[in-house]
N, C-alpha and C. Protein backbone atom coordinates (compact mmCIF):
# COMPACT_ATOMS: atom_id res chain seq x y z
N UNK A 1 1.49 -1.14 -0.62
CA UNK A 1 -0.16 0.34 -0.16
C UNK A 1 0.68 0.98 0.06
N UNK A 2 2.10 1.33 1.25
CA UNK A 2 2.78 2.74 0.98
C UNK A 2 3.39 2.07 -0.24
N UNK A 3 3.85 1.59 -1.19
CA UNK A 3 4.44 1.77 -2.77
C UNK A 3 3.20 2.89 -3.39
N UNK A 4 1.89 1.92 -3.58
CA UNK A 4 1.26 2.80 -4.58
C UNK A 4 0.82 3.86 -4.22
N UNK A 5 1.19 4.55 -3.02
CA UNK A 5 0.60 5.82 -2.31
C UNK A 5 2.30 6.25 -3.10
N UNK A 6 2.37 5.83 -2.81
CA UNK A 6 4.39 6.92 -3.26
C UNK A 6 4.99 7.36 -4.69
N UNK A 7 4.01 6.01 -5.49
CA UNK A 7 4.03 6.49 -6.69
C UNK A 7 2.81 7.41 -7.32
N UNK A 8 1.91 7.49 -6.90
CA UNK A 8 0.78 8.70 -7.19
C UNK A 8 0.75 9.50 -6.61
N UNK A 9 2.02 9.62 -5.61
CA UNK A 9 2.93 11.36 -4.84
C UNK A 9 3.89 12.24 -5.99
N UNK A 10 4.37 11.01 -6.48
CA UNK A 10 5.30 11.11 -8.15
C UNK A 10 5.23 11.31 -8.84
N UNK A 11 4.03 11.56 -9.15
CA UNK A 11 3.35 11.17 -10.62
C UNK A 11 2.40 12.76 -10.88
N UNK A 12 2.12 12.37 -9.26
CA UNK A 12 1.22 14.14 -9.17
C UNK A 12 2.22 15.24 -9.14
N UNK A 13 3.64 15.55 -8.75
CA UNK A 13 4.73 16.39 -8.15
C UNK A 13 5.23 16.09 -10.19
N UNK A 14 5.31 15.37 -10.66
CA UNK A 14 5.77 15.24 -12.12
C UNK A 14 4.73 15.65 -13.21
N UNK A 15 4.00 15.54 -12.86
CA UNK A 15 2.77 15.93 -13.23
C UNK A 15 2.63 17.95 -13.48
N UNK A 16 2.56 18.21 -12.30
CA UNK A 16 2.39 19.29 -12.16
C UNK A 16 4.04 19.96 -12.37
N UNK A 17 4.72 19.96 -12.16
CA UNK A 17 6.17 20.09 -13.22
C UNK A 17 5.82 20.46 -14.10
N UNK A 18 6.04 19.56 -14.78
CA UNK A 18 5.43 19.25 -16.09
C UNK A 18 3.96 20.89 -16.91
N UNK A 19 3.36 20.80 -15.83
CA UNK A 19 1.89 22.04 -16.38
C UNK A 19 2.55 23.14 -16.11
N UNK A 20 3.93 23.54 -15.05
CA UNK A 20 4.32 24.39 -15.18
C UNK A 20 5.48 24.74 -15.83
N UNK A 21 6.07 24.09 -15.75
CA UNK A 21 6.62 23.96 -17.21
C UNK A 21 6.67 24.04 -18.66
N UNK A 22 5.30 23.93 -19.00
CA UNK A 22 4.73 23.33 -20.51
C UNK A 22 4.11 25.06 -20.57
N UNK A 23 3.70 25.83 -19.12
CA UNK A 23 2.93 27.31 -18.51
C UNK A 23 4.33 28.31 -19.00
N UNK A 24 5.43 28.24 -18.55
CA UNK A 24 6.85 29.20 -19.37
C UNK A 24 6.64 28.72 -20.14
N UNK A 25 6.65 27.77 -20.33
CA UNK A 25 7.45 26.81 -21.85
C UNK A 25 6.78 28.09 -23.70
N UNK A 26 5.55 28.19 -23.33
CA UNK A 26 4.36 28.41 -23.92
C UNK A 26 4.31 29.48 -23.89
N UNK A 27 4.51 30.35 -22.68
CA UNK A 27 4.13 31.63 -22.65
C UNK A 27 5.73 32.48 -23.12
N UNK A 28 6.66 32.38 -23.32
CA UNK A 28 7.97 32.92 -23.19
C UNK A 28 8.08 32.15 -25.76
N UNK A 29 7.81 31.87 -25.95
CA UNK A 29 8.03 31.06 -26.77
C UNK A 29 6.65 32.53 -27.48
N UNK A 30 7.98 33.02 -29.35
CA UNK A 30 7.08 34.43 -29.11
C UNK A 30 6.64 34.45 -30.05
N UNK A 31 6.37 33.44 -31.14
CA UNK A 31 5.28 33.13 -32.37
C UNK A 31 4.56 32.82 -32.47
N UNK A 32 2.99 32.05 -32.26
CA UNK A 32 2.53 30.44 -31.93
C UNK A 32 1.27 30.77 -33.19
N UNK A 33 1.10 29.21 -33.21
CA UNK A 33 -0.66 29.70 -33.97
C UNK A 33 -1.99 29.63 -32.74
N UNK A 34 -1.54 29.26 -31.55
CA UNK A 34 -2.67 29.77 -30.06
C UNK A 34 -2.43 30.91 -29.39
N UNK A 35 -2.99 31.94 -29.36
CA UNK A 35 -2.70 32.75 -27.85
C UNK A 35 -2.29 31.90 -26.53
N UNK A 36 -0.80 33.01 -26.06
CA UNK A 36 0.01 32.67 -25.51
C UNK A 36 -1.18 33.18 -24.03
N UNK A 37 -1.60 31.78 -22.57
CA UNK A 37 -2.15 31.71 -21.73
C UNK A 37 -2.52 33.50 -21.16
N UNK A 38 -3.09 33.86 -20.57
CA UNK A 38 -3.34 34.51 -19.82
C UNK A 38 -1.87 34.52 -18.48
N UNK A 39 -1.35 36.00 -17.88
CA UNK A 39 -0.21 36.04 -17.83
C UNK A 39 1.33 35.72 -18.09
N UNK A 40 1.01 36.40 -19.53
CA UNK A 40 2.09 35.86 -20.14
C UNK A 40 3.77 37.05 -19.72
N UNK A 41 3.09 38.46 -19.35
CA UNK A 41 4.01 39.17 -18.41
C UNK A 41 4.02 38.71 -16.64
N UNK A 42 3.78 37.47 -16.19
CA UNK A 42 4.86 36.82 -15.53
C UNK A 42 5.48 35.99 -15.49
N UNK A 43 5.13 35.59 -16.77
CA UNK A 43 6.55 34.45 -16.87
C UNK A 43 7.68 34.87 -17.86
N UNK A 44 6.96 35.99 -17.90
CA UNK A 44 8.63 36.76 -19.10
C UNK A 44 9.52 37.37 -18.02
N UNK A 45 8.77 37.41 -16.61
CA UNK A 45 9.84 37.82 -15.64
C UNK A 45 9.73 37.26 -15.02
N UNK A 46 10.15 35.87 -14.87
CA UNK A 46 10.19 34.65 -14.23
C UNK A 46 12.02 33.98 -15.92
N UNK A 47 11.16 34.43 -16.17
CA UNK A 47 12.18 33.78 -17.87
C UNK A 47 12.79 34.81 -18.79
N UNK A 48 13.15 35.94 -17.71
CA UNK A 48 13.13 37.01 -19.41
C UNK A 48 13.50 36.74 -20.56
N UNK A 49 14.84 35.83 -20.75
CA UNK A 49 15.60 35.64 -21.86
C UNK A 49 15.04 34.54 -22.88
N UNK A 50 13.64 33.95 -21.86
CA UNK A 50 13.42 32.76 -23.53
C UNK A 50 14.23 31.78 -23.41
N UNK A 51 14.40 31.78 -25.15
CA UNK A 51 15.44 30.60 -25.49
C UNK A 51 16.66 30.57 -25.91
N UNK A 52 17.28 32.38 -25.99
CA UNK A 52 18.37 33.05 -26.02
C UNK A 52 19.07 32.25 -25.52
N UNK A 53 18.64 31.79 -24.06
CA UNK A 53 20.05 31.29 -22.36
C UNK A 53 20.67 30.37 -23.52
N UNK A 54 19.58 29.38 -24.56
CA UNK A 54 19.64 27.61 -24.76
C UNK A 54 20.26 28.09 -26.49
N UNK A 55 20.09 29.17 -27.32
CA UNK A 55 20.43 29.08 -27.86
C UNK A 55 21.47 30.44 -28.86
N UNK A 56 22.00 30.74 -29.77
CA UNK A 56 22.36 31.45 -30.67
C UNK A 56 22.09 32.11 -31.52
N UNK A 57 21.76 33.04 -32.25
CA UNK A 57 21.92 33.80 -34.01
C UNK A 57 22.59 32.72 -35.05
N UNK A 58 21.44 32.05 -35.75
CA UNK A 58 21.92 31.66 -36.36
C UNK A 58 22.54 32.05 -37.28
N UNK A 59 22.84 33.80 -37.66
CA UNK A 59 22.82 34.22 -38.80
C UNK A 59 24.02 35.52 -38.44
N UNK A 60 24.71 35.39 -36.51
CA UNK A 60 25.71 35.48 -36.37
C UNK A 60 26.65 35.02 -36.61
N UNK A 61 27.87 35.68 -37.39
CA UNK A 61 28.93 35.56 -37.60
C UNK A 61 29.69 34.86 -37.25
N UNK A 62 30.36 34.08 -37.41
CA UNK A 62 31.97 33.15 -36.80
C UNK A 62 32.86 33.17 -37.43
N UNK A 63 33.85 33.65 -36.49
CA UNK A 63 34.98 33.66 -37.09
C UNK A 63 35.53 32.77 -37.46
N UNK A 64 35.95 32.15 -38.75
CA UNK A 64 37.07 31.35 -39.18
C UNK A 64 38.22 31.12 -39.87
N UNK A 65 39.43 30.47 -38.99
CA UNK A 65 40.55 29.75 -39.31
C UNK A 65 40.62 30.73 -41.75
N UNK A 66 41.74 30.93 -42.01
CA UNK A 66 42.55 31.03 -42.40
C UNK A 66 43.48 30.53 -43.18
N UNK A 67 44.79 30.04 -43.42
CA UNK A 67 46.13 29.58 -43.43
C UNK A 67 45.98 29.71 -44.82
N UNK A 68 47.93 29.84 -45.62
CA UNK A 68 48.39 28.75 -46.42
C UNK A 68 48.12 28.19 -47.34
N UNK A 69 48.27 28.43 -48.10
CA UNK A 69 48.51 26.63 -49.46
C UNK A 69 50.15 26.99 -49.47
N UNK A 70 50.53 26.05 -50.09
CA UNK A 70 52.05 26.21 -50.46
C UNK A 70 52.09 26.42 -51.67
N UNK A 71 50.91 26.73 -52.58
CA UNK A 71 51.68 27.67 -53.72
C UNK A 71 50.90 29.40 -53.19
N UNK A 72 51.04 29.60 -51.93
CA UNK A 72 50.82 31.06 -50.90
C UNK A 72 48.99 31.21 -50.81
N UNK A 73 48.45 30.90 -51.99
CA UNK A 73 46.89 31.27 -51.79
C UNK A 73 45.85 31.08 -50.76
N UNK A 74 45.67 31.23 -49.18
CA UNK A 74 44.15 31.45 -48.73
C UNK A 74 43.36 30.56 -48.51
N UNK A 75 43.83 29.90 -47.58
CA UNK A 75 42.59 28.59 -47.84
C UNK A 75 41.82 28.43 -45.73
N UNK A 76 40.81 28.39 -45.60
CA UNK A 76 40.35 27.70 -44.89
C UNK A 76 41.72 27.13 -44.07
N UNK A 77 41.61 26.62 -43.04
CA UNK A 77 42.54 25.86 -42.74
C UNK A 77 42.12 24.72 -42.41
N UNK A 78 42.53 23.93 -42.59
CA UNK A 78 41.93 21.91 -42.39
C UNK A 78 42.34 21.66 -41.15
N UNK A 79 41.16 21.07 -40.50
CA UNK A 79 41.19 20.81 -39.20
C UNK A 79 42.58 19.44 -38.86
N UNK A 80 43.17 20.03 -37.56
CA UNK A 80 43.85 19.13 -37.77
C UNK A 80 43.48 17.13 -36.82
N UNK A 81 42.97 16.43 -37.73
CA UNK A 81 42.57 14.92 -36.47
C UNK A 81 43.77 14.42 -36.14
N UNK A 82 43.06 14.19 -34.66
CA UNK A 82 44.29 13.37 -33.92
C UNK A 82 43.87 11.60 -33.75
N UNK A 83 42.16 11.64 -33.62
CA UNK A 83 41.61 10.66 -32.87
C UNK A 83 40.48 10.34 -34.16
N UNK A 84 40.12 9.16 -33.04
CA UNK A 84 39.54 8.30 -34.88
C UNK A 84 38.61 8.78 -35.10
N UNK A 85 37.82 9.63 -36.03
CA UNK A 85 36.63 10.45 -36.94
C UNK A 85 37.20 11.44 -36.19
N UNK A 86 37.62 12.09 -35.65
CA UNK A 86 37.78 13.90 -35.74
C UNK A 86 37.77 13.78 -34.23
N UNK A 87 37.37 12.36 -33.56
CA UNK A 87 36.56 12.57 -31.73
C UNK A 87 37.63 13.41 -31.04
N UNK A 88 39.28 13.73 -31.00
CA UNK A 88 39.94 13.55 -29.89
C UNK A 88 39.44 15.31 -29.68
N UNK A 89 38.95 14.90 -28.23
CA UNK A 89 38.96 16.63 -27.68
C UNK A 89 39.35 18.45 -28.30
N UNK A 90 41.25 17.90 -28.41
CA UNK A 90 42.16 18.73 -29.10
C UNK A 90 41.21 19.32 -30.37
N UNK A 91 40.45 18.80 -31.05
CA UNK A 91 39.95 19.15 -32.21
C UNK A 91 39.48 19.91 -31.82
N UNK A 92 38.30 19.79 -30.92
CA UNK A 92 37.22 20.61 -30.12
C UNK A 92 37.58 22.03 -30.29
N UNK A 93 38.61 22.52 -30.09
CA UNK A 93 39.80 23.54 -29.00
C UNK A 93 39.80 24.79 -30.10
N UNK A 94 39.95 24.05 -31.90
CA UNK A 94 39.66 24.99 -32.05
C UNK A 94 39.18 26.27 -32.78
N UNK A 95 37.82 26.42 -32.00
CA UNK A 95 36.84 27.22 -32.57
C UNK A 95 37.09 27.65 -30.86
N UNK A 96 37.42 27.90 -29.62
CA UNK A 96 38.09 28.49 -28.37
C UNK A 96 39.11 29.06 -29.02
N UNK A 97 40.68 28.62 -29.42
CA UNK A 97 41.29 29.10 -29.57
C UNK A 97 41.97 30.06 -31.00
N UNK A 98 40.39 30.11 -32.02
CA UNK A 98 40.20 30.89 -33.48
C UNK A 98 39.71 32.06 -32.39
N UNK A 99 38.19 32.60 -32.04
CA UNK A 99 38.43 32.71 -30.36
C UNK A 99 39.00 34.00 -29.81
N UNK A 100 40.02 33.23 -29.10
CA UNK A 100 40.49 33.36 -28.13
C UNK A 100 40.99 35.06 -28.96
N UNK A 101 42.04 34.39 -30.18
CA UNK A 101 42.62 34.85 -30.94
C UNK A 101 41.88 36.06 -31.32
N UNK A 102 40.29 36.59 -32.24
CA UNK A 102 39.80 37.38 -32.64
C UNK A 102 40.13 38.31 -30.85
N UNK A 103 39.54 38.05 -30.40
CA UNK A 103 39.24 38.67 -28.93
C UNK A 103 40.11 39.93 -28.73
N UNK A 104 41.63 39.12 -29.60
CA UNK A 104 43.47 39.95 -29.48
C UNK A 104 43.00 41.39 -29.74
N UNK A 105 41.72 41.09 -31.06
CA UNK A 105 42.04 42.65 -32.25
C UNK A 105 41.40 43.86 -31.98
N UNK A 106 41.54 44.65 -32.79
CA UNK A 106 41.45 46.07 -31.66
C UNK A 106 40.22 45.94 -33.79
N UNK A 107 39.87 46.89 -33.51
CA UNK A 107 38.76 47.35 -34.53
C UNK A 107 39.91 48.43 -35.60
N UNK A 108 41.34 48.95 -35.44
CA UNK A 108 41.54 48.95 -36.02
C UNK A 108 42.72 48.18 -37.07
N UNK A 109 42.09 46.44 -36.27
CA UNK A 109 43.29 45.24 -37.40
C UNK A 109 42.23 44.90 -38.39
N UNK A 110 41.15 45.30 -37.85
CA UNK A 110 39.87 44.42 -39.23
C UNK A 110 40.33 45.03 -40.55
N UNK A 111 39.66 44.78 -40.80
CA UNK A 111 40.03 45.38 -42.71
C UNK A 111 38.41 44.73 -43.05
N UNK A 112 37.94 46.30 -44.25
CA UNK A 112 36.83 45.82 -44.94
C UNK A 112 36.58 44.56 -45.38
N UNK A 113 35.67 44.38 -46.49
CA UNK A 113 36.09 42.86 -47.31
C UNK A 113 34.04 43.10 -48.68
N UNK A 114 34.68 43.13 -49.24
CA UNK A 114 32.93 43.14 -49.93
C UNK A 114 33.55 41.71 -50.98
N UNK A 115 34.74 41.33 -51.52
CA UNK A 115 35.02 40.40 -52.24
C UNK A 115 35.64 39.11 -52.00
N UNK A 116 35.53 38.02 -52.54
CA UNK A 116 36.22 36.78 -52.35
C UNK A 116 37.20 36.85 -50.66
N UNK A 117 36.92 36.70 -49.32
CA UNK A 117 37.80 36.73 -47.81
C UNK A 117 39.25 35.93 -48.89
N UNK A 118 39.65 35.78 -49.53
CA UNK A 118 41.20 35.10 -49.47
C UNK A 118 42.27 36.19 -50.45
N UNK A 119 41.41 36.74 -50.69
CA UNK A 119 41.94 38.09 -51.82
C UNK A 119 42.17 39.06 -51.20
N UNK A 120 40.83 39.41 -50.02
CA UNK A 120 41.32 40.99 -49.77
C UNK A 120 41.75 40.07 -48.06
N UNK A 121 42.04 39.17 -47.73
CA UNK A 121 43.45 38.07 -46.56
C UNK A 121 44.82 38.84 -47.05
N UNK A 122 44.78 38.81 -48.71
CA UNK A 122 46.18 38.68 -49.38
C UNK A 122 46.84 39.84 -49.39
N UNK A 123 45.36 40.81 -49.58
CA UNK A 123 46.61 42.72 -49.32
C UNK A 123 46.18 43.19 -47.91
N UNK A 124 45.74 42.75 -47.00
CA UNK A 124 45.67 43.13 -45.28
C UNK A 124 46.37 43.53 -44.66
N UNK A 125 46.68 43.61 -43.99
CA UNK A 125 48.40 43.97 -43.18
C UNK A 125 48.73 42.93 -42.08
N UNK A 126 49.53 43.01 -41.49
CA UNK A 126 49.25 41.38 -40.76
C UNK A 126 49.89 42.86 -39.15
N UNK A 127 49.10 41.78 -37.42
CA UNK A 127 49.69 42.04 -36.92
C UNK A 127 50.04 41.07 -35.72
N UNK A 128 51.14 41.79 -35.17
CA UNK A 128 51.39 40.54 -34.45
C UNK A 128 50.69 40.02 -33.09
N UNK A 129 50.26 39.00 -32.81
CA UNK A 129 49.65 38.43 -31.12
C UNK A 129 50.15 37.09 -31.12
N UNK A 130 49.68 36.49 -30.06
CA UNK A 130 50.49 35.54 -29.14
C UNK A 130 49.44 34.47 -28.78
N UNK A 131 49.65 34.01 -29.47
CA UNK A 131 48.87 32.47 -29.22
C UNK A 131 48.92 32.03 -28.23
N UNK A 132 47.55 32.47 -26.76
CA UNK A 132 47.52 32.24 -25.41
C UNK A 132 46.57 30.97 -25.09
N UNK A 133 46.03 29.85 -25.48
CA UNK A 133 45.68 29.49 -26.58
C UNK A 133 46.07 28.07 -25.63
N UNK A 134 45.45 26.67 -24.44
CA UNK A 134 45.52 26.19 -23.85
C UNK A 134 46.76 25.20 -24.72
N UNK A 135 45.77 24.49 -26.40
CA UNK A 135 46.47 24.06 -27.06
C UNK A 135 45.96 24.54 -28.07
N UNK A 136 47.41 24.92 -28.71
CA UNK A 136 48.23 26.17 -29.90
C UNK A 136 48.32 25.10 -31.62
N UNK A 137 47.32 24.93 -32.05
CA UNK A 137 46.79 24.30 -32.81
C UNK A 137 47.75 24.97 -34.46
N UNK A 138 47.09 26.55 -34.59
CA UNK A 138 47.73 28.39 -34.85
C UNK A 138 48.36 28.67 -34.78
N UNK A 139 49.43 28.38 -35.74
CA UNK A 139 51.10 29.47 -35.34
C UNK A 139 51.22 30.21 -36.42
N UNK A 140 51.90 31.18 -36.83
CA UNK A 140 52.52 31.50 -37.50
C UNK A 140 51.42 33.03 -38.81
N UNK A 141 51.64 32.91 -39.88
CA UNK A 141 50.57 33.56 -40.32
C UNK A 141 49.22 32.54 -40.88
N UNK A 142 48.09 33.49 -40.32
CA UNK A 142 46.93 33.06 -40.47
C UNK A 142 46.34 34.09 -40.53
N UNK A 143 45.05 33.78 -40.92
CA UNK A 143 44.12 34.99 -41.20
C UNK A 143 42.63 34.74 -40.67
N UNK A 144 41.70 35.59 -39.79
CA UNK A 144 40.65 35.00 -39.89
C UNK A 144 40.06 36.41 -40.25
N UNK A 145 38.97 35.76 -40.59
CA UNK A 145 37.02 36.34 -41.54
C UNK A 145 35.90 35.58 -40.89
N UNK A 146 35.69 36.73 -40.48
CA UNK A 146 34.47 37.55 -39.85
C UNK A 146 33.14 37.61 -41.26
N UNK A 147 32.49 36.24 -41.56
CA UNK A 147 31.49 36.63 -42.61
C UNK A 147 30.46 35.76 -42.30
N UNK A 148 28.88 36.59 -42.49
CA UNK A 148 27.84 36.09 -41.83
C UNK A 148 27.37 35.23 -43.08
N UNK A 149 26.34 34.50 -42.33
CA UNK A 149 26.39 33.12 -42.95
C UNK A 149 25.15 33.28 -43.69
N UNK A 150 25.58 31.98 -45.14
CA UNK A 150 25.04 33.13 -46.89
C UNK A 150 23.11 31.51 -46.24
N UNK A 151 22.59 32.80 -47.17
CA UNK A 151 21.67 31.28 -46.14
C UNK A 151 20.90 30.87 -47.59
N UNK A 152 19.44 30.49 -46.72
CA UNK A 152 20.33 28.59 -47.65
C UNK A 152 19.50 28.65 -49.12
N UNK A 153 18.58 30.16 -48.91
CA UNK A 153 17.75 30.88 -49.96
C UNK A 153 18.89 31.32 -50.97
N UNK A 154 19.90 31.22 -50.90
CA UNK A 154 20.97 31.80 -52.34
C UNK A 154 21.83 30.69 -52.18
N UNK A 155 21.23 29.92 -51.55
CA UNK A 155 22.49 27.93 -51.65
C UNK A 155 23.43 27.43 -52.71
N UNK A 156 22.54 28.30 -53.28
CA UNK A 156 22.94 27.79 -55.21
C UNK A 156 23.58 29.69 -56.05
N UNK A 157 23.46 30.42 -55.18
CA UNK A 157 23.63 31.49 -56.99
C UNK A 157 25.15 31.56 -55.51
N UNK A 158 25.67 32.26 -57.19
CA UNK A 158 26.74 32.92 -57.01
C UNK A 158 27.61 34.27 -56.28
N UNK A 159 26.85 33.57 -55.03
CA UNK A 159 26.97 35.64 -53.94
C UNK A 159 28.92 35.22 -53.09
N UNK A 160 29.10 36.15 -52.89
CA UNK A 160 29.71 36.40 -52.39
C UNK A 160 28.91 37.57 -50.67
N UNK A 161 28.91 37.30 -49.56
CA UNK A 161 28.47 38.01 -48.82
C UNK A 161 29.78 38.64 -48.38
N UNK A 162 29.65 39.90 -47.54
CA UNK A 162 30.84 41.06 -47.29
C UNK A 162 31.18 40.44 -45.91
N UNK A 163 32.31 40.72 -45.44
CA UNK A 163 32.71 39.83 -44.24
C UNK A 163 33.75 41.31 -43.78
N UNK A 164 34.16 40.83 -43.10
CA UNK A 164 35.97 41.25 -41.78
C UNK A 164 36.86 41.13 -42.38
N UNK A 165 37.73 40.99 -42.50
CA UNK A 165 38.81 39.60 -42.01
C UNK A 165 39.57 40.24 -41.80
N UNK A 166 40.88 40.03 -40.75
CA UNK A 166 41.83 40.26 -40.20
C UNK A 166 43.33 39.34 -40.44
N UNK A 167 44.45 39.55 -41.09
CA UNK A 167 45.11 38.61 -40.77
C UNK A 167 46.65 38.84 -39.21
N UNK A 168 47.04 37.77 -39.73
CA UNK A 168 47.82 38.10 -38.22
C UNK A 168 49.31 36.78 -38.69
N UNK A 169 50.43 37.57 -37.31
CA UNK A 169 51.46 36.57 -37.07
C UNK A 169 51.49 36.09 -35.94
N UNK A 170 50.60 35.35 -35.65
CA UNK A 170 51.05 34.75 -34.04
C UNK A 170 51.34 33.16 -34.06
N UNK A 171 52.57 34.30 -33.03
CA UNK A 171 53.73 33.48 -32.45
C UNK A 171 53.18 32.51 -30.62
N UNK A 172 53.89 31.09 -30.72
CA UNK A 172 53.14 30.26 -30.20
C UNK A 172 53.82 30.19 -28.93
């Protein structure tokens, strides 16, 4: 008899918690087919960020590292996979390393680019930067490109979005 009572209590608490979470989620979602429940202002006060806490803007530019090929042309830096199928955590540290390098740059270190980023990097002035990342994979002559994500509808079109580029001489 005690097990049945305990199970009912757990089910009741889970139901109330589920209803509360569902109400809060429904109240903070910006656009929906059905009207928002009453008390939306209260829900916004309890959860002011909505989904922004869990996600980031997919259109926000992410820094991409470029290096030079043997022929001197700039290209996106290839990943250096060390583990089977790239499962080594050091491979995933590359994004943090690029972000650290980009964070060390001032506004004057960036060059506006209306064409291909590789062409703009070839003529951009170099800025000396020290790489302080724990795992250092980007050393020497490096380029960093900040470019908006190409909208999916434009995927088949020969479109180059404007970007900002910075050419670095990285010491490790």
